């Protein structure tokens, strides 16, 4: 088989079915990892019979934690990963197999138009690595990170794109934003995160000399700033540097959207965001009985290992065990709260083991 379509679904059977139907005949295999409530899961299961492979996994609040699990269920050489509210444009659909057949790389960075509709794709896009060879990507970081490609990354022509359809989106609150409480940075981690944003923003193939030159220049600026500012690598960012980081990130997205807000307004907005984030961190510490210093230490571990590997979710059997425990009602939390509980409890056990 050449291409497996990988889809993650949570109480969104209609869109999952619609997406799978649009891809039938275009891919060699359809794999759906579903975390829905019973009624929605049963509805999806009825449709999947003979049409798609369906697997149930415990709901963890967002699909990122199940990526390795989903990939393990795919049998094809290439994997196309799409969300239930995403669709390929018509030309991409028609030429998908030929693109893969003639590929001279290990993964493709593809334009994803973020505010598309059925009739208009809009102007705002981000680069997404969604079509890749199995075994050639690794996932690091905390939330919505693009994979690191172990091989050559190519940018797909602007004739092909993914549409993030506004009419198909879930408009409820995105509770996965709670994971941002773990986005605590020291000056060493900051460098890696900024370089990763540069890589994703420009869809850089880091095996190319030109890409290495850009990454090296960015690293030079960061190191110079830290040296002149007497910043220590293991120290958490100051409030001002957090604000600078969030503001620069927002400016990058504003540039991509061709929308340039006033810098003072942008700075004030990021200040409000940081304050809300600190409140979220305080609530997380209170609920789980850890200090802010411990939360910072935990965050550093998550950045070092990546949240998926930290929880052992790069091993499919770990997800299977978790799912069985979930079915037996062994957890009081579900969704993003379950994910956060698993992270903190693992940290507390490791901290206790170090003290013994």
C-alpha atoms as a PDB file:
ATOM      1  CA  UNK A   1       0.000   0.000   0.000  1.00  0.00           C
ATOM      2  CA  UNK A   2       1.200   3.509  -0.807  1.00  0.00           C
ATOM      3  CA  UNK A   3      -0.859   5.902   1.379  1.00  0.00           C
ATOM      4  CA  UNK A   4      -2.781   5.579   4.638  1.00  0.00           C
ATOM      5  CA  UNK A   5      -5.169   8.338   5.685  1.00  0.00           C
ATOM      6  CA  UNK A   6      -4.961   8.871   9.450  1.00  0.00           C
ATOM      7  CA  UNK A   7      -7.872  10.648  11.179  1.00  0.00           C
ATOM      8  CA  UNK A   8      -8.473  11.406  14.868  1.00  0.00           C
ATOM      9  CA  UNK A   9     -12.062  11.967  15.983  1.00  0.00           C
ATOM     10  CA  UNK A  10     -13.806  13.026  19.186  1.00  0.00           C
ATOM     11  CA  UNK A  11     -17.634  13.269  19.111  1.00  0.00           C
ATOM     12  CA  UNK A  12     -17.476  14.331  15.477  1.00  0.00           C
ATOM     13  CA  UNK A  13     -18.761  11.288  13.593  1.00  0.00           C
ATOM     14  CA  UNK A  14     -20.445  13.276  10.807  1.00  0.00           C
ATOM     15  CA  UNK A  15     -17.275  15.135   9.831  1.00  0.00           C
ATOM     16  CA  UNK A  16     -15.108  12.037  10.235  1.00  0.00           C
ATOM     17  CA  UNK A  17     -17.394  10.101   7.890  1.00  0.00           C
ATOM     18  CA  UNK A  18     -17.551  12.984   5.420  1.00  0.00           C
ATOM     19  CA  UNK A  19     -13.759  13.270   5.351  1.00  0.00           C
ATOM     20  CA  UNK A  20     -13.290   9.520   4.934  1.00  0.00           C
ATOM     21  CA  UNK A  21     -15.846   9.449   2.110  1.00  0.00           C
ATOM     22  CA  UNK A  22     -14.033  12.278   0.297  1.00  0.00           C
ATOM     23  CA  UNK A  23     -10.788  10.262   0.443  1.00  0.00           C
ATOM     24  CA  UNK A  24     -12.109   6.849  -0.613  1.00  0.00           C
ATOM     25  CA  UNK A  25     -10.366   5.766  -3.781  1.00  0.00           C
ATOM     26  CA  UNK A  26      -7.665   8.407  -3.244  1.00  0.00           C
ATOM     27  CA  UNK A  27      -5.804   6.514  -0.521  1.00  0.00           C
ATOM     28  CA  UNK A  28      -5.108   2.825   0.004  1.00  0.00           C
ATOM     29  CA  UNK A  29      -6.210   2.649   3.634  1.00  0.00           C
ATOM     30  CA  UNK A  30      -8.286   4.744   6.044  1.00  0.00           C
ATOM     31  CA  UNK A  31      -7.470   4.566   9.756  1.00  0.00           C
ATOM     32  CA  UNK A  32      -9.641   6.378  12.296  1.00  0.00           C
ATOM     33  CA  UNK A  33      -8.641   6.688  15.958  1.00  0.00           C
ATOM     34  CA  UNK A  34     -11.782   7.668  17.835  1.00  0.00           C
ATOM     35  CA  UNK A  35     -12.225   8.922  21.393  1.00  0.00           C
ATOM     36  CA  UNK A  36     -15.950   9.639  21.236  1.00  0.00           C
ATOM     37  CA  UNK A  37     -18.682   8.995  23.752  1.00  0.00           C
ATOM     38  CA  UNK A  38     -20.473   5.672  23.250  1.00  0.00           C
ATOM     39  CA  UNK A  39     -23.323   6.855  20.988  1.00  0.00           C
ATOM     40  CA  UNK A  40     -21.027   8.731  18.593  1.00  0.00           C
ATOM     41  CA  UNK A  41     -18.491   5.889  18.572  1.00  0.00           C
ATOM     42  CA  UNK A  42     -21.172   3.327  17.735  1.00  0.00           C
ATOM     43  CA  UNK A  43     -22.437   5.530  14.909  1.00  0.00           C
ATOM     44  CA  UNK A  44     -18.933   5.766  13.490  1.00  0.00           C
ATOM     45  CA  UNK A  45     -18.366   2.033  13.926  1.00  0.00           C
ATOM     46  CA  UNK A  46     -21.468   1.219  11.842  1.00  0.00           C
ATOM     47  CA  UNK A  47     -20.157   3.299   8.954  1.00  0.00           C
ATOM     48  CA  UNK A  48     -16.578   2.006   9.180  1.00  0.00           C
ATOM     49  CA  UNK A  49     -17.498  -1.641   8.646  1.00  0.00           C
ATOM     50  CA  UNK A  50     -15.566  -2.658   5.541  1.00  0.00           C
ATOM     51  CA  UNK A  51     -14.709   0.959   4.719  1.00  0.00           C
ATOM     52  CA  UNK A  52     -12.174   2.009   7.344  1.00  0.00           C
ATOM     53  CA  UNK A  53     -10.234   0.602  10.267  1.00  0.00           C
ATOM     54  CA  UNK A  54     -11.550   2.011  13.536  1.00  0.00           C
ATOM     55  CA  UNK A  55      -9.724   2.054  16.878  1.00  0.00           C
ATOM     56  CA  UNK A  56     -10.943   3.441  20.176  1.00  0.00           C
ATOM     57  CA  UNK A  57      -8.578   5.346  22.478  1.00  0.00           C
ATOM     58  CA  UNK A  58      -9.206   7.051  25.801  1.00  0.00           C
ATOM     59  CA  UNK A  59     -10.083  10.753  25.372  1.00  0.00           C
ATOM     60  CA  UNK A  60      -7.072  12.862  26.342  1.00  0.00           C
ATOM     61  CA  UNK A  61      -8.321  16.294  25.316  1.00  0.00           C
ATOM     62  CA  UNK A  62      -6.418  16.621  22.063  1.00  0.00           C
ATOM     63  CA  UNK A  63      -5.172  14.260  19.388  1.00  0.00           C
ATOM     64  CA  UNK A  64      -1.452  15.085  19.639  1.00  0.00           C
ATOM     65  CA  UNK A  65      -0.900  12.523  22.400  1.00  0.00           C
ATOM     66  CA  UNK A  66      -2.252   9.746  20.157  1.00  0.00           C
ATOM     67  CA  UNK A  67      -0.099  10.449  17.101  1.00  0.00           C
ATOM     68  CA  UNK A  68       2.362   7.573  17.508  1.00  0.00           C
ATOM     69  CA  UNK A  69      -0.521   5.272  18.365  1.00  0.00           C
ATOM     70  CA  UNK A  70      -2.360   6.210  15.179  1.00  0.00           C
ATOM     71  CA  UNK A  71       0.773   5.891  13.064  1.00  0.00           C
ATOM     72  CA  UNK A  72       1.374   2.407  14.460  1.00  0.00           C
ATOM     73  CA  UNK A  73      -2.002   1.299  13.061  1.00  0.00           C
ATOM     74  CA  UNK A  74      -1.172   2.438   9.516  1.00  0.00           C
ATOM     75  CA  UNK A  75       0.241  -0.156   7.119  1.00  0.00           C
ATOM     76  CA  UNK A  76       1.257   2.036   4.174  1.00  0.00           C
ATOM     77  CA  UNK A  77       4.657   3.519   3.374  1.00  0.00           C
ATOM     78  CA  UNK A  78       3.223   7.058   3.390  1.00  0.00           C
ATOM     79  CA  UNK A  79       0.819   8.618   5.898  1.00  0.00           C
ATOM     80  CA  UNK A  80      -1.525  11.538   5.286  1.00  0.00           C
ATOM     81  CA  UNK A  81      -2.780  12.965   8.575  1.00  0.00           C
ATOM     82  CA  UNK A  82      -5.932  15.136   8.485  1.00  0.00           C
ATOM     83  CA  UNK A  83      -8.285  16.524  11.125  1.00  0.00           C
ATOM     84  CA  UNK A  84     -12.038  16.030  10.756  1.00  0.00           C
ATOM     85  CA  UNK A  85     -12.488  19.731   9.874  1.00  0.00           C
ATOM     86  CA  UNK A  86      -9.881  19.650   7.089  1.00  0.00           C
ATOM     87  CA  UNK A  87     -10.196  18.880   3.385  1.00  0.00           C
ATOM     88  CA  UNK A  88      -7.781  18.712   0.441  1.00  0.00           C
ATOM     89  CA  UNK A  89      -8.359  20.934  -2.569  1.00  0.00           C
ATOM     90  CA  UNK A  90      -9.585  19.136  -5.686  1.00  0.00           C
ATOM     91  CA  UNK A  91      -6.260  19.060  -7.533  1.00  0.00           C
ATOM     92  CA  UNK A  92      -4.485  17.694  -4.466  1.00  0.00           C
ATOM     93  CA  UNK A  93      -7.083  14.933  -4.236  1.00  0.00           C
ATOM     94  CA  UNK A  94      -6.682  13.991  -7.892  1.00  0.00           C
ATOM     95  CA  UNK A  95      -2.867  13.994  -7.878  1.00  0.00           C
ATOM     96  CA  UNK A  96      -2.147  12.690  -4.362  1.00  0.00           C
ATOM     97  CA  UNK A  97      -1.012   9.244  -5.509  1.00  0.00           C
ATOM     98  CA  UNK A  98       1.239  10.632  -8.253  1.00  0.00           C
ATOM     99  CA  UNK A  99       2.801  13.130  -5.821  1.00  0.00           C
ATOM    100  CA  UNK A 100       3.792  10.284  -3.522  1.00  0.00           C
ATOM    101  CA  UNK A 101       4.889   8.022  -6.393  1.00  0.00           C
ATOM    102  CA  UNK A 102       7.348  10.635  -7.691  1.00  0.00           C
ATOM    103  CA  UNK A 103       8.483  11.924  -4.276  1.00  0.00           C
ATOM    104  CA  UNK A 104      12.214  12.472  -3.775  1.00  0.00           C
ATOM    105  CA  UNK A 105      11.875  13.351  -0.105  1.00  0.00           C
ATOM    106  CA  UNK A 106      10.666  11.867   3.158  1.00  0.00           C
ATOM    107  CA  UNK A 107       7.985  14.407   4.064  1.00  0.00           C
ATOM    108  CA  UNK A 108       6.066  17.339   2.593  1.00  0.00           C
ATOM    109  CA  UNK A 109       5.309  20.703   4.167  1.00  0.00           C
ATOM    110  CA  UNK A 110       1.862  21.745   2.899  1.00  0.00           C
ATOM    111  CA  UNK A 111       0.018  25.037   3.028  1.00  0.00           C
ATOM    112  CA  UNK A 112      -2.973  24.889   5.372  1.00  0.00           C
ATOM    113  CA  UNK A 113      -5.413  27.760   4.879  1.00  0.00           C
ATOM    114  CA  UNK A 114      -6.639  28.441   8.394  1.00  0.00           C
ATOM    115  CA  UNK A 115      -9.912  30.272   7.696  1.00  0.00           C
ATOM    116  CA  UNK A 116     -11.222  28.488   4.619  1.00  0.00           C
ATOM    117  CA  UNK A 117     -14.765  27.781   3.538  1.00  0.00           C
ATOM    118  CA  UNK A 118     -16.170  25.539   0.828  1.00  0.00           C
ATOM    119  CA  UNK A 119     -16.060  28.435  -1.649  1.00  0.00           C
ATOM    120  CA  UNK A 120     -13.105  30.516  -0.459  1.00  0.00           C
ATOM    121  CA  UNK A 121      -9.799  29.386   0.989  1.00  0.00           C
ATOM    122  CA  UNK A 122      -8.857  32.842   2.348  1.00  0.00           C
ATOM    123  CA  UNK A 123      -5.315  34.217   2.519  1.00  0.00           C
ATOM    124  CA  UNK A 124      -3.977  33.129   5.907  1.00  0.00           C
ATOM    125  CA  UNK A 125      -1.985  29.899   5.798  1.00  0.00           C
ATOM    126  CA  UNK A 126       0.557  28.036   7.910  1.00  0.00           C
ATOM    127  CA  UNK A 127       2.965  25.304   6.858  1.00  0.00           C
ATOM    128  CA  UNK A 128       1.967  21.851   8.089  1.00  0.00           C
ATOM    129  CA  UNK A 129       3.943  18.608   7.746  1.00  0.00           C
ATOM    130  CA  UNK A 130       1.043  16.233   7.152  1.00  0.00           C
ATOM    131  CA  UNK A 131       2.265  13.878   4.432  1.00  0.00           C
ATOM    132  CA  UNK A 132       5.279  11.810   5.425  1.00  0.00           C
ATOM    133  CA  UNK A 133       6.914   8.401   5.242  1.00  0.00           C
ATOM    134  CA  UNK A 134       6.231   6.128   8.178  1.00  0.00           C
ATOM    135  CA  UNK A 135       9.194   6.066  10.544  1.00  0.00           C
ATOM    136  CA  UNK A 136      10.636   9.309   9.195  1.00  0.00           C
ATOM    137  CA  UNK A 137       9.114  11.789  11.656  1.00  0.00           C
ATOM    138  CA  UNK A 138       9.356  12.352  15.407  1.00  0.00           C
ATOM    139  CA  UNK A 139       7.120  14.464  17.633  1.00  0.00           C
ATOM    140  CA  UNK A 140       8.588  16.649  20.367  1.00  0.00           C
ATOM    141  CA  UNK A 141       7.329  19.542  22.463  1.00  0.00           C
ATOM    142  CA  UNK A 142       4.036  20.094  24.243  1.00  0.00           C
ATOM    143  CA  UNK A 143       1.091  21.027  22.007  1.00  0.00           C
ATOM    144  CA  UNK A 144       0.409  21.182  18.260  1.00  0.00           C
ATOM    145  CA  UNK A 145       4.097  20.862  17.374  1.00  0.00           C
ATOM    146  CA  UNK A 146       5.090  20.007  13.821  1.00  0.00           C
ATOM    147  CA  UNK A 147       7.099  16.792  13.503  1.00  0.00           C
ATOM    148  CA  UNK A 148      10.856  16.753  13.172  1.00  0.00           C
ATOM    149  CA  UNK A 149      11.722  15.069   9.875  1.00  0.00           C
ATOM    150  CA  UNK A 150      14.524  12.501   9.898  1.00  0.00           C
ATOM    151  CA  UNK A 151      15.396  12.946   6.257  1.00  0.00           C
ATOM    152  CA  UNK A 152      14.522  15.416   3.529  1.00  0.00           C
ATOM    153  CA  UNK A 153      11.587  17.810   3.821  1.00  0.00           C
ATOM    154  CA  UNK A 154      10.092  19.299   0.651  1.00  0.00           C
ATOM    155  CA  UNK A 155       7.567  22.125   0.342  1.00  0.00           C
ATOM    156  CA  UNK A 156       4.621  21.148  -1.798  1.00  0.00           C
ATOM    157  CA  UNK A 157       3.703  23.448  -4.686  1.00  0.00           C
ATOM    158  CA  UNK A 158       1.086  26.129  -3.974  1.00  0.00           C
ATOM    159  CA  UNK A 159      -1.231  24.267  -6.373  1.00  0.00           C
ATOM    160  CA  UNK A 160      -1.915  21.862  -3.493  1.00  0.00           C
ATOM    161  CA  UNK A 161      -3.252  22.800  -0.090  1.00  0.00           C
ATOM    162  CA  UNK A 162      -5.289  21.793   2.970  1.00  0.00           C
ATOM    163  CA  UNK A 163      -8.412  23.753   3.831  1.00  0.00           C
ATOM    164  CA  UNK A 164      -9.224  24.240   7.511  1.00  0.00           C
ATOM    165  CA  UNK A 165     -12.971  24.636   7.057  1.00  0.00           C
ATOM    166  CA  UNK A 166     -14.619  27.140   9.397  1.00  0.00           C
ATOM    167  CA  UNK A 167     -18.072  25.597   8.894  1.00  0.00           C
ATOM    168  CA  UNK A 168     -16.780  22.224  10.113  1.00  0.00           C
ATOM    169  CA  UNK A 169     -14.947  23.456  13.198  1.00  0.00           C
ATOM    170  CA  UNK A 170     -16.076  22.842  16.756  1.00  0.00           C
ATOM    171  CA  UNK A 171     -16.755  26.294  18.154  1.00  0.00           C
ATOM    172  CA  UNK A 172     -16.790  25.308  21.801  1.00  0.00           C
ATOM    173  CA  UNK A 173     -13.953  26.229  24.121  1.00  0.00           C
ATOM    174  CA  UNK A 174     -10.648  24.535  23.331  1.00  0.00           C
ATOM    175  CA  UNK A 175      -9.770  23.018  26.686  1.00  0.00           C
ATOM    176  CA  UNK A 176      -6.418  21.852  25.297  1.00  0.00           C
ATOM    177  CA  UNK A 177      -5.253  25.438  25.888  1.00  0.00           C
ATOM    178  CA  UNK A 178      -4.830  24.342  29.507  1.00  0.00           C
ATOM    179  CA  UNK A 179      -1.696  22.583  28.316  1.00  0.00           C
ATOM    180  CA  UNK A 180      -0.135  25.990  27.704  1.00  0.00           C
ATOM    181  CA  UNK A 181       0.421  26.180  31.469  1.00  0.00           C
ATOM    182  CA  UNK A 182       3.392  23.886  30.826  1.00  0.00           C
ATOM    183  CA  UNK A 183       4.887  26.334  28.320  1.00  0.00           C
ATOM    184  CA  UNK A 184       7.478  27.644  30.768  1.00  0.00           C
ATOM    185  CA  UNK A 185      10.856  28.510  29.290  1.00  0.00           C
ATOM    186  CA  UNK A 186      14.412  28.924  30.406  1.00  0.00           C
ATOM    187  CA  UNK A 187      16.976  30.672  28.196  1.00  0.00           C
ATOM    188  CA  UNK A 188      18.303  27.419  26.788  1.00  0.00           C
ATOM    189  CA  UNK A 189      14.839  26.088  25.918  1.00  0.00           C
ATOM    190  CA  UNK A 190      13.896  29.479  24.447  1.00  0.00           C
ATOM    191  CA  UNK A 191      16.579  29.100  21.791  1.00  0.00           C
ATOM    192  CA  UNK A 192      15.292  25.672  20.742  1.00  0.00           C
ATOM    193  CA  UNK A 193      11.664  26.841  20.682  1.00  0.00           C
ATOM    194  CA  UNK A 194      12.398  29.965  18.616  1.00  0.00           C
ATOM    195  CA  UNK A 195      14.503  27.967  16.169  1.00  0.00           C
ATOM    196  CA  UNK A 196      11.666  25.461  15.857  1.00  0.00           C
ATOM    197  CA  UNK A 197       9.202  28.278  15.123  1.00  0.00           C
ATOM    198  CA  UNK A 198      11.576  29.605  12.448  1.00  0.00           C
ATOM    199  CA  UNK A 199      11.793  26.129  10.921  1.00  0.00           C
ATOM    200  CA  UNK A 200       7.995  25.754  10.870  1.00  0.00           C
ATOM    201  CA  UNK A 201       7.212  29.319   9.817  1.00  0.00           C
ATOM    202  CA  UNK A 202       9.394  29.131   6.705  1.00  0.00           C
ATOM    203  CA  UNK A 203       8.971  25.362   6.123  1.00  0.00           C
ATOM    204  CA  UNK A 204      12.758  24.939   6.179  1.00  0.00           C
ATOM    205  CA  UNK A 205      14.402  21.766   4.955  1.00  0.00           C
ATOM    206  CA  UNK A 206      17.153  21.614   7.569  1.00  0.00           C
ATOM    207  CA  UNK A 207      19.267  19.325   5.391  1.00  0.00           C
ATOM    208  CA  UNK A 208      19.869  22.256   2.999  1.00  0.00           C
ATOM    209  CA  UNK A 209      22.771  24.692   3.421  1.00  0.00           C
ATOM    210  CA  UNK A 210      20.472  27.724   2.988  1.00  0.00           C
ATOM    211  CA  UNK A 211      18.218  26.524   5.801  1.00  0.00           C
ATOM    212  CA  UNK A 212      21.192  25.891   8.071  1.00  0.00           C
ATOM    213  CA  UNK A 213      22.382  29.432   7.348  1.00  0.00           C
ATOM    214  CA  UNK A 214      19.016  30.921   8.380  1.00  0.00           C
ATOM    215  CA  UNK A 215      18.859  28.813  11.539  1.00  0.00           C
ATOM    216  CA  UNK A 216      22.443  29.740  12.379  1.00  0.00           C
ATOM    217  CA  UNK A 217      21.697  33.451  11.988  1.00  0.00           C
ATOM    218  CA  UNK A 218      18.669  33.223  14.286  1.00  0.00           C
ATOM    219  CA  UNK A 219      20.731  31.309  16.858  1.00  0.00           C
ATOM    220  CA  UNK A 220      23.456  33.974  16.666  1.00  0.00           C
ATOM    221  CA  UNK A 221      20.956  36.751  17.457  1.00  0.00           C
ATOM    222  CA  UNK A 222      19.497  34.804  20.388  1.00  0.00           C
ATOM    223  CA  UNK A 223      22.906  33.999  21.855  1.00  0.00           C
ATOM    224  CA  UNK A 224      24.050  37.598  21.485  1.00  0.00           C
ATOM    225  CA  UNK A 225      20.927  38.868  23.269  1.00  0.00           C
ATOM    226  CA  UNK A 226      21.426  36.427  26.135  1.00  0.00           C
ATOM    227  CA  UNK A 227      25.148  37.197  26.411  1.00  0.00           C
ATOM    228  CA  UNK A 228      24.682  40.970  26.442  1.00  0.00           C
ATOM    229  CA  UNK A 229      21.737  40.680  28.843  1.00  0.00           C
ATOM    230  CA  UNK A 230      23.680  38.396  31.193  1.00  0.00           C
ATOM    231  CA  UNK A 231      20.987  35.718  30.916  1.00  0.00           C
ATOM    232  CA  UNK A 232      21.746  32.339  32.473  1.00  0.00           C
ATOM    233  CA  UNK A 233      20.822  29.256  30.448  1.00  0.00           C
ATOM    234  CA  UNK A 234      19.027  27.374  33.239  1.00  0.00           C
ATOM    235  CA  UNK A 235      17.079  30.347  34.591  1.00  0.00           C
ATOM    236  CA  UNK A 236      13.403  30.888  33.782  1.00  0.00           C
ATOM    237  CA  UNK A 237      12.596  33.778  31.479  1.00  0.00           C
ATOM    238  CA  UNK A 238      11.864  37.111  33.080  1.00  0.00           C
ATOM    239  CA  UNK A 239       8.341  38.484  32.697  1.00  0.00           C
ATOM    240  CA  UNK A 240       9.630  40.983  30.110  1.00  0.00           C
ATOM    241  CA  UNK A 241      11.259  38.230  28.048  1.00  0.00           C
ATOM    242  CA  UNK A 242       8.075  36.136  28.186  1.00  0.00           C
ATOM    243  CA  UNK A 243       6.216  39.163  26.837  1.00  0.00           C
ATOM    244  CA  UNK A 244       8.836  39.649  24.141  1.00  0.00           C
ATOM    245  CA  UNK A 245       8.587  35.991  23.109  1.00  0.00           C
ATOM    246  CA  UNK A 246       4.772  36.011  22.917  1.00  0.00           C
ATOM    247  CA  UNK A 247       4.747  39.359  21.096  1.00  0.00           C
ATOM    248  CA  UNK A 248       7.253  38.209  18.467  1.00  0.00           C
ATOM    249  CA  UNK A 249       5.265  35.012  17.962  1.00  0.00           C
ATOM    250  CA  UNK A 250       2.049  36.979  17.511  1.00  0.00           C
ATOM    251  CA  UNK A 251       3.807  39.335  15.079  1.00  0.00           C
ATOM    252  CA  UNK A 252       4.799  36.321  13.015  1.00  0.00           C
ATOM    253  CA  UNK A 253       1.181  35.148  12.755  1.00  0.00           C
ATOM    254  CA  UNK A 254       0.045  38.729  12.079  1.00  0.00           C
ATOM    255  CA  UNK A 255       2.503  38.893   9.189  1.00  0.00           C
ATOM    256  CA  UNK A 256       1.173  35.616   7.804  1.00  0.00           C
ATOM    257  CA  UNK A 257      -2.398  36.938   8.069  1.00  0.00           C
ATOM    258  CA  UNK A 258      -1.388  40.236   6.455  1.00  0.00           C
ATOM    259  CA  UNK A 259      -2.868  41.961   9.481  1.00  0.00           C
ATOM    260  CA  UNK A 260      -0.591  44.309  11.395  1.00  0.00           C
ATOM    261  CA  UNK A 261      -2.007  45.532  14.718  1.00  0.00           C
ATOM    262  CA  UNK A 262      -0.406  48.436  16.543  1.00  0.00           C
ATOM    263  CA  UNK A 263       2.609  47.247  18.502  1.00  0.00           C
ATOM    264  CA  UNK A 264       1.454  48.845  21.746  1.00  0.00           C
ATOM    265  CA  UNK A 265      -1.934  47.119  21.482  1.00  0.00           C
ATOM    266  CA  UNK A 266      -0.228  43.828  20.662  1.00  0.00           C
ATOM    267  CA  UNK A 267       2.086  44.167  23.666  1.00  0.00           C
ATOM    268  CA  UNK A 268      -0.838  44.934  25.981  1.00  0.00           C
ATOM    269  CA  UNK A 269      -2.759  41.958  24.609  1.00  0.00           C
ATOM    270  CA  UNK A 270       0.158  39.626  25.282  1.00  0.00           C
ATOM    271  CA  UNK A 271       0.458  41.058  28.788  1.00  0.00           C
ATOM    272  CA  UNK A 272      -3.163  40.079  29.464  1.00  0.00           C
ATOM    273  CA  UNK A 273      -2.449  36.642  27.966  1.00  0.00           C
ATOM    274  CA  UNK A 274       0.553  36.128  30.246  1.00  0.00           C
ATOM    275  CA  UNK A 275      -1.479  37.121  33.304  1.00  0.00           C
ATOM    276  CA  UNK A 276      -4.215  34.614  32.407  1.00  0.00           C
ATOM    277  CA  UNK A 277      -1.539  31.978  31.863  1.00  0.00           C
ATOM    278  CA  UNK A 278      -0.082  32.638  35.309  1.00  0.00           C
ATOM    279  CA  UNK A 279      -3.570  32.221  36.803  1.00  0.00           C
ATOM    280  CA  UNK A 280      -3.891  28.895  34.967  1.00  0.00           C
ATOM    281  CA  UNK A 281      -0.531  27.788  36.373  1.00  0.00           C
ATOM    282  CA  UNK A 282      -1.533  28.798  39.898  1.00  0.00           C
ATOM    283  CA  UNK A 283      -4.762  26.782  39.583  1.00  0.00           C
ATOM    284  CA  UNK A 284      -2.882  23.755  38.252  1.00  0.00           C
ATOM    285  CA  UNK A 285      -0.441  23.903  41.181  1.00  0.00           C
ATOM    286  CA  UNK A 286      -3.261  24.267  43.689  1.00  0.00           C
ATOM    287  CA  UNK A 287      -5.283  21.382  42.262  1.00  0.00           C
ATOM    288  CA  UNK A 288      -2.359  18.960  42.031  1.00  0.00           C
ATOM    289  CA  UNK A 289      -0.404  19.972  45.117  1.00  0.00           C
ATOM    290  CA  UNK A 290       2.839  21.145  43.544  1.00  0.00           C
ATOM    291  CA  UNK A 291       4.734  24.417  43.748  1.00  0.00           C
ATOM    292  CA  UNK A 292       5.383  26.780  40.850  1.00  0.00           C
ATOM    293  CA  UNK A 293       9.074  25.893  41.066  1.00  0.00           C
ATOM    294  CA  UNK A 294       8.145  22.239  40.631  1.00  0.00           C
ATOM    295  CA  UNK A 295       5.877  23.095  37.711  1.00  0.00           C
ATOM    296  CA  UNK A 296       8.834  24.835  36.056  1.00  0.00           C
ATOM    297  CA  UNK A 297      11.023  21.772  36.615  1.00  0.00           C
ATOM    298  CA  UNK A 298       8.296  19.576  35.133  1.00  0.00           C
ATOM    299  CA  UNK A 299       8.013  21.864  32.098  1.00  0.00           C
ATOM    300  CA  UNK A 300      11.739  21.553  31.458  1.00  0.00           C
ATOM    301  CA  UNK A 301      11.409  17.765  31.472  1.00  0.00           C
ATOM    302  CA  UNK A 302       8.525  17.938  28.995  1.00  0.00           C
ATOM    303  CA  UNK A 303      10.566  20.072  26.615  1.00  0.00           C
ATOM    304  CA  UNK A 304      13.553  17.774  26.948  1.00  0.00           C
ATOM    305  CA  UNK A 305      11.668  14.534  26.248  1.00  0.00           C
ATOM    306  CA  UNK A 306       8.522  15.733  24.503  1.00  0.00           C
ATOM    307  CA  UNK A 307       5.163  15.178  26.157  1.00  0.00           C
ATOM    308  CA  UNK A 308       4.379  12.020  24.164  1.00  0.00           C
ATOM    309  CA  UNK A 309       7.569  10.236  25.164  1.00  0.00           C
ATOM    310  CA  UNK A 310       7.390  11.589  28.718  1.00  0.00           C
ATOM    311  CA  UNK A 311       4.101   9.732  29.156  1.00  0.00           C
ATOM    312  CA  UNK A 312       5.334   6.691  27.247  1.00  0.00           C
ATOM    313  CA  UNK A 313       2.686   7.216  24.564  1.00  0.00           C
ATOM    314  CA  UNK A 314       5.204   6.526  21.805  1.00  0.00           C
ATOM    315  CA  UNK A 315       4.529   2.882  22.698  1.00  0.00           C
ATOM    316  CA  UNK A 316       1.109   1.738  21.352  1.00  0.00           C
ATOM    317  CA  UNK A 317       0.658  -0.776  24.168  1.00  0.00           C
ATOM    318  CA  UNK A 318       0.718   2.090  26.684  1.00  0.00           C
ATOM    319  CA  UNK A 319      -2.324   3.646  25.004  1.00  0.00           C
ATOM    320  CA  UNK A 320      -4.068   0.260  24.917  1.00  0.00           C
ATOM    321  CA  UNK A 321      -3.504  -0.183  28.662  1.00  0.00           C
ATOM    322  CA  UNK A 322      -4.691   3.353  29.386  1.00  0.00           C
ATOM    323  CA  UNK A 323      -7.813   2.803  27.288  1.00  0.00           C
ATOM    324  CA  UNK A 324      -8.677  -0.404  29.138  1.00  0.00           C
ATOM    325  CA  UNK A 325      -8.262   1.381  32.470  1.00  0.00           C
ATOM    326  CA  UNK A 326     -10.479   4.182  31.174  1.00  0.00           C
ATOM    327  CA  UNK A 327     -13.197   1.735  30.122  1.00  0.00           C
ATOM    328  CA  UNK A 328     -13.118   0.208  33.609  1.00  0.00           C
ATOM    329  CA  UNK A 329     -13.752   3.633  35.124  1.00  0.00           C
ATOM    330  CA  UNK A 330     -10.394   3.881  36.890  1.00  0.00           C
ATOM    331  CA  UNK A 331      -9.999   7.617  36.258  1.00  0.00           C
ATOM    332  CA  UNK A 332     -12.014  10.427  37.801  1.00  0.00           C
ATOM    333  CA  UNK A 333     -10.823  12.845  35.090  1.00  0.00           C
ATOM    334  CA  UNK A 334     -11.221  12.672  31.344  1.00  0.00           C
ATOM    335  CA  UNK A 335     -10.102  14.745  28.384  1.00  0.00           C
ATOM    336  CA  UNK A 336      -7.417  17.356  28.953  1.00  0.00           C
ATOM    337  CA  UNK A 337      -7.780  17.067  32.737  1.00  0.00           C
ATOM    338  CA  UNK A 338      -6.869  13.384  32.483  1.00  0.00           C
ATOM    339  CA  UNK A 339      -3.801  14.225  30.399  1.00  0.00           C
ATOM    340  CA  UNK A 340      -2.657  16.837  32.914  1.00  0.00           C
ATOM    341  CA  UNK A 341      -3.251  14.450  35.830  1.00  0.00           C
ATOM    342  CA  UNK A 342      -1.159  11.748  34.132  1.00  0.00           C
ATOM    343  CA  UNK A 343       1.698  14.206  33.585  1.00  0.00           C
ATOM    344  CA  UNK A 344       1.743  15.577  37.120  1.00  0.00           C
ATOM    345  CA  UNK A 345       1.342  12.188  38.788  1.00  0.00           C
ATOM    346  CA  UNK A 346       4.270  10.794  36.798  1.00  0.00           C
ATOM    347  CA  UNK A 347       6.391  13.776  37.846  1.00  0.00           C
ATOM    348  CA  UNK A 348       5.459  13.358  41.519  1.00  0.00           C
ATOM    349  CA  UNK A 349       6.321   9.652  41.445  1.00  0.00           C
ATOM    350  CA  UNK A 350       9.690  10.373  39.860  1.00  0.00           C
ATOM    351  CA  UNK A 351      10.392  13.151  42.371  1.00  0.00           C
ATOM    352  CA  UNK A 352       9.527  10.807  45.259  1.00  0.00           C
ATOM    353  CA  UNK A 353      11.788   8.085  43.824  1.00  0.00           C
ATOM    354  CA  UNK A 354      14.708  10.554  43.694  1.00  0.00           C
ATOM    355  CA  UNK A 355      14.249  11.358  47.386  1.00  0.00           C
ATOM    356  CA  UNK A 356      14.295   7.714  48.483  1.00  0.00           C
END
